[in-house]
Amino acid sequence: MADKAKSIDEYLSALDPAYRAELERIRALVTELVPDTEETISYGMPTLKYKNRALVYFTASKKHLSFYPSSWAIDELKDQLEGYKTTEHAIQYTLDKPLPSRLVEALVRVHIRDIDANRQ
């Protein structure tokens, strides 16, 4: 939706206000949990990096939003993701059924653990 943005703020500024607010919520949750994240755009998506590795990506499309914590986190917490469309790397959700904060935090914590363990 926000093609060729050079920063997360630029990406978010181009979105519908409701999508922008939801992605700001995700951004705030992750940065509160991991204050030393680095913000960047990677693969055209807003990205929060931890220890120089992508921790999460988050995006908006016309019909849904996507959260990319890691395939390991998705696999480990798949029982908590019932009712959401998932791919190997992403969780798709809508404004009508947003990801609960506690679930976002759990997914991020799994990926932090894996990065800290230098999982490749």
C-alpha atoms as a PDB file:
ATOM      1  CA  MET A   1       0.000   0.000   0.000  1.00  0.00           C
ATOM      2  CA  ALA A   2       2.766   2.448   0.837  1.00  0.00           C
ATOM      3  CA  ASP A   3       5.087   1.678  -2.057  1.00  0.00           C
ATOM      4  CA  LYS A   4       8.726   2.770  -1.884  1.00  0.00           C
ATOM      5  CA  ALA A   5       8.564   4.281   1.593  1.00  0.00           C
ATOM      6  CA  LYS A   6      11.987   5.078   2.996  1.00  0.00           C
ATOM      7  CA  SER A   7      10.965   4.969   6.669  1.00  0.00           C
ATOM      8  CA  ILE A   8       8.290   3.417   8.829  1.00  0.00           C
ATOM      9  CA  ASP A   9       6.745   6.842   9.417  1.00  0.00           C
ATOM     10  CA  GLU A  10       6.564   7.441   5.660  1.00  0.00           C
ATOM     11  CA  TYR A  11       4.994   3.998   5.119  1.00  0.00           C
ATOM     12  CA  LEU A  12       2.397   4.592   7.827  1.00  0.00           C
ATOM     13  CA  SER A  13       1.560   8.111   6.679  1.00  0.00           C
ATOM     14  CA  ALA A  14       0.343   6.750   3.332  1.00  0.00           C
ATOM     15  CA  LEU A  15      -2.158   4.332   4.914  1.00  0.00           C
ATOM     16  CA  ASP A  16      -5.843   4.589   5.678  1.00  0.00           C
ATOM     17  CA  PRO A  17      -6.077   6.039   9.231  1.00  0.00           C
ATOM     18  CA  ALA A  18      -7.593   2.851  10.686  1.00  0.00           C
ATOM     19  CA  TYR A  19      -4.796   0.675   9.263  1.00  0.00           C
ATOM     20  CA  ARG A  20      -2.224   3.247  10.358  1.00  0.00           C
ATOM     21  CA  ALA A  21      -3.555   3.176  13.938  1.00  0.00           C
ATOM     22  CA  GLU A  22      -3.424  -0.618  14.058  1.00  0.00           C
ATOM     23  CA  LEU A  23       0.129  -0.799  12.735  1.00  0.00           C
ATOM     24  CA  GLU A  24       1.150   1.959  15.173  1.00  0.00           C
ATOM     25  CA  ARG A  25      -0.257  -0.249  17.942  1.00  0.00           C
ATOM     26  CA  ILE A  26       1.886  -3.170  16.767  1.00  0.00           C
ATOM     27  CA  ARG A  27       4.945  -0.925  16.484  1.00  0.00           C
ATOM     28  CA  ALA A  28       4.403   0.458  19.996  1.00  0.00           C
ATOM     29  CA  LEU A  29       3.889  -3.002  21.520  1.00  0.00           C
ATOM     30  CA  VAL A  30       7.087  -4.351  20.017  1.00  0.00           C
ATOM     31  CA  THR A  31       9.206  -1.306  20.829  1.00  0.00           C
ATOM     32  CA  GLU A  32       7.891  -1.267  24.400  1.00  0.00           C
ATOM     33  CA  LEU A  33       8.827  -4.924  24.763  1.00  0.00           C
ATOM     34  CA  VAL A  34      12.197  -4.461  23.017  1.00  0.00           C
ATOM     35  CA  PRO A  35      13.234  -0.807  23.430  1.00  0.00           C
ATOM     36  CA  ASP A  36      16.534  -1.189  21.561  1.00  0.00           C
ATOM     37  CA  THR A  37      14.978  -2.141  18.222  1.00  0.00           C
ATOM     38  CA  GLU A  38      16.153  -0.410  15.066  1.00  0.00           C
ATOM     39  CA  GLU A  39      13.497   0.806  12.636  1.00  0.00           C
ATOM     40  CA  THR A  40      14.001   0.287   8.937  1.00  0.00           C
ATOM     41  CA  ILE A  41      12.264  -0.691   5.714  1.00  0.00           C
ATOM     42  CA  SER A  42      13.243  -4.114   4.425  1.00  0.00           C
ATOM     43  CA  TYR A  43      11.700  -5.867   1.425  1.00  0.00           C
ATOM     44  CA  GLY A  44       9.422  -2.812   1.199  1.00  0.00           C
ATOM     45  CA  MET A  45       7.948  -3.512   4.646  1.00  0.00           C
ATOM     46  CA  PRO A  46       8.254  -1.726   7.986  1.00  0.00           C
ATOM     47  CA  THR A  47      10.786  -3.736   9.947  1.00  0.00           C
ATOM     48  CA  LEU A  48      11.939  -3.698  13.537  1.00  0.00           C
ATOM     49  CA  LYS A  49      15.410  -5.165  13.937  1.00  0.00           C
ATOM     50  CA  TYR A  50      16.972  -6.663  17.058  1.00  0.00           C
ATOM     51  CA  LYS A  51      20.688  -7.415  17.285  1.00  0.00           C
ATOM     52  CA  ASN A  52      20.966  -6.488  13.597  1.00  0.00           C
ATOM     53  CA  ARG A  53      18.390  -9.141  12.586  1.00  0.00           C
ATOM     54  CA  ALA A  54      14.781  -8.650  11.537  1.00  0.00           C
ATOM     55  CA  LEU A  55      12.607  -9.188  14.594  1.00  0.00           C
ATOM     56  CA  VAL A  56       9.234  -8.403  12.990  1.00  0.00           C
ATOM     57  CA  TYR A  57       7.786  -7.011   9.796  1.00  0.00           C
ATOM     58  CA  PHE A  58       4.259  -5.559   9.602  1.00  0.00           C
ATOM     59  CA  THR A  59       2.225  -4.497   6.586  1.00  0.00           C
ATOM     60  CA  ALA A  60      -1.172  -3.401   5.340  1.00  0.00           C
ATOM     61  CA  SER A  61      -2.917  -4.663   2.222  1.00  0.00           C
ATOM     62  CA  LYS A  62      -6.314  -3.750   0.807  1.00  0.00           C
ATOM     63  CA  LYS A  63      -8.194  -6.481   2.690  1.00  0.00           C
ATOM     64  CA  HIS A  64      -5.949  -7.418   5.624  1.00  0.00           C
ATOM     65  CA  LEU A  65      -2.896  -6.644   7.707  1.00  0.00           C
ATOM     66  CA  SER A  66       0.081  -8.952   8.104  1.00  0.00           C
ATOM     67  CA  PHE A  67       2.466  -9.542  10.986  1.00  0.00           C
ATOM     68  CA  TYR A  68       5.699 -11.432  10.348  1.00  0.00           C
ATOM     69  CA  PRO A  69       7.303 -12.542  13.644  1.00  0.00           C
ATOM     70  CA  SER A  70       9.273 -15.582  12.340  1.00  0.00           C
ATOM     71  CA  SER A  71       8.362 -18.988  11.035  1.00  0.00           C
ATOM     72  CA  TRP A  72       9.664 -20.464  14.305  1.00  0.00           C
ATOM     73  CA  ALA A  73       7.337 -18.307  16.417  1.00  0.00           C
ATOM     74  CA  ILE A  74       4.351 -19.082  14.178  1.00  0.00           C
ATOM     75  CA  ASP A  75       5.081 -22.800  14.387  1.00  0.00           C
ATOM     76  CA  GLU A  76       5.632 -22.776  18.162  1.00  0.00           C
ATOM     77  CA  LEU A  77       2.449 -20.809  18.895  1.00  0.00           C
ATOM     78  CA  LYS A  78       0.227 -22.204  16.137  1.00  0.00           C
ATOM     79  CA  ASP A  79      -2.331 -23.402  18.704  1.00  0.00           C
ATOM     80  CA  GLN A  80      -2.897 -19.750  19.700  1.00  0.00           C
ATOM     81  CA  LEU A  81      -3.328 -18.667  16.066  1.00  0.00           C
ATOM     82  CA  GLU A  82      -6.557 -20.535  15.356  1.00  0.00           C
ATOM     83  CA  GLY A  83      -8.948 -18.310  13.457  1.00  0.00           C
ATOM     84  CA  TYR A  84      -6.150 -16.392  11.714  1.00  0.00           C
ATOM     85  CA  LYS A  85      -4.832 -17.140   8.254  1.00  0.00           C
ATOM     86  CA  THR A  86      -1.165 -18.041   8.472  1.00  0.00           C
ATOM     87  CA  THR A  87       1.575 -18.760   5.995  1.00  0.00           C
ATOM     88  CA  GLU A  88       5.047 -20.033   6.834  1.00  0.00           C
ATOM     89  CA  HIS A  89       6.177 -16.497   7.667  1.00  0.00           C
ATOM     90  CA  ALA A  90       3.073 -14.357   8.211  1.00  0.00           C
ATOM     91  CA  ILE A  91      -0.111 -14.024  10.185  1.00  0.00           C
ATOM     92  CA  GLN A  92      -2.910 -12.247   8.340  1.00  0.00           C
ATOM     93  CA  TYR A  93      -5.604 -10.465  10.292  1.00  0.00           C
ATOM     94  CA  THR A  94      -8.236  -7.769   9.929  1.00  0.00           C
ATOM     95  CA  LEU A  95      -9.335  -4.723  11.873  1.00  0.00           C
ATOM     96  CA  ASP A  96     -12.435  -6.713  12.858  1.00  0.00           C
ATOM     97  CA  LYS A  97     -10.229  -9.402  14.393  1.00  0.00           C
ATOM     98  CA  PRO A  98      -6.919  -7.817  15.425  1.00  0.00           C
ATOM     99  CA  LEU A  99      -4.073  -9.760  16.993  1.00  0.00           C
ATOM    100  CA  PRO A 100      -4.374  -9.575  20.789  1.00  0.00           C
ATOM    101  CA  SER A 101      -1.510  -7.707  22.456  1.00  0.00           C
ATOM    102  CA  ARG A 102      -0.598 -10.733  24.570  1.00  0.00           C
ATOM    103  CA  LEU A 103      -0.274 -12.843  21.409  1.00  0.00           C
ATOM    104  CA  VAL A 104       1.949 -10.260  19.701  1.00  0.00           C
ATOM    105  CA  GLU A 105       4.123 -10.181  22.822  1.00  0.00           C
ATOM    106  CA  ALA A 106       4.343 -13.989  22.955  1.00  0.00           C
ATOM    107  CA  LEU A 107       5.348 -14.183  19.285  1.00  0.00           C
ATOM    108  CA  VAL A 108       7.993 -11.495  19.772  1.00  0.00           C
ATOM    109  CA  ARG A 109       9.371 -13.188  22.898  1.00  0.00           C
ATOM    110  CA  VAL A 110       9.791 -16.468  21.009  1.00  0.00           C
ATOM    111  CA  HIS A 111      11.691 -14.731  18.238  1.00  0.00           C
ATOM    112  CA  ILE A 112      13.870 -12.795  20.710  1.00  0.00           C
ATOM    113  CA  ARG A 113      14.752 -16.095  22.398  1.00  0.00           C
ATOM    114  CA  ASP A 114      15.686 -17.614  19.041  1.00  0.00           C
ATOM    115  CA  ILE A 115      17.787 -14.611  18.000  1.00  0.00           C
ATOM    116  CA  ASP A 116      19.539 -14.602  21.385  1.00  0.00           C
ATOM    117  CA  ALA A 117      20.317 -18.300  20.853  1.00  0.00           C
ATOM    118  CA  ASN A 118      21.702 -17.377  17.410  1.00  0.00           C
ATOM    119  CA  ARG A 119      19.198 -19.644  15.683  1.00  0.00           C
ATOM    120  CA  GLN A 120      19.643 -19.501  11.931  1.00  0.00           C
END
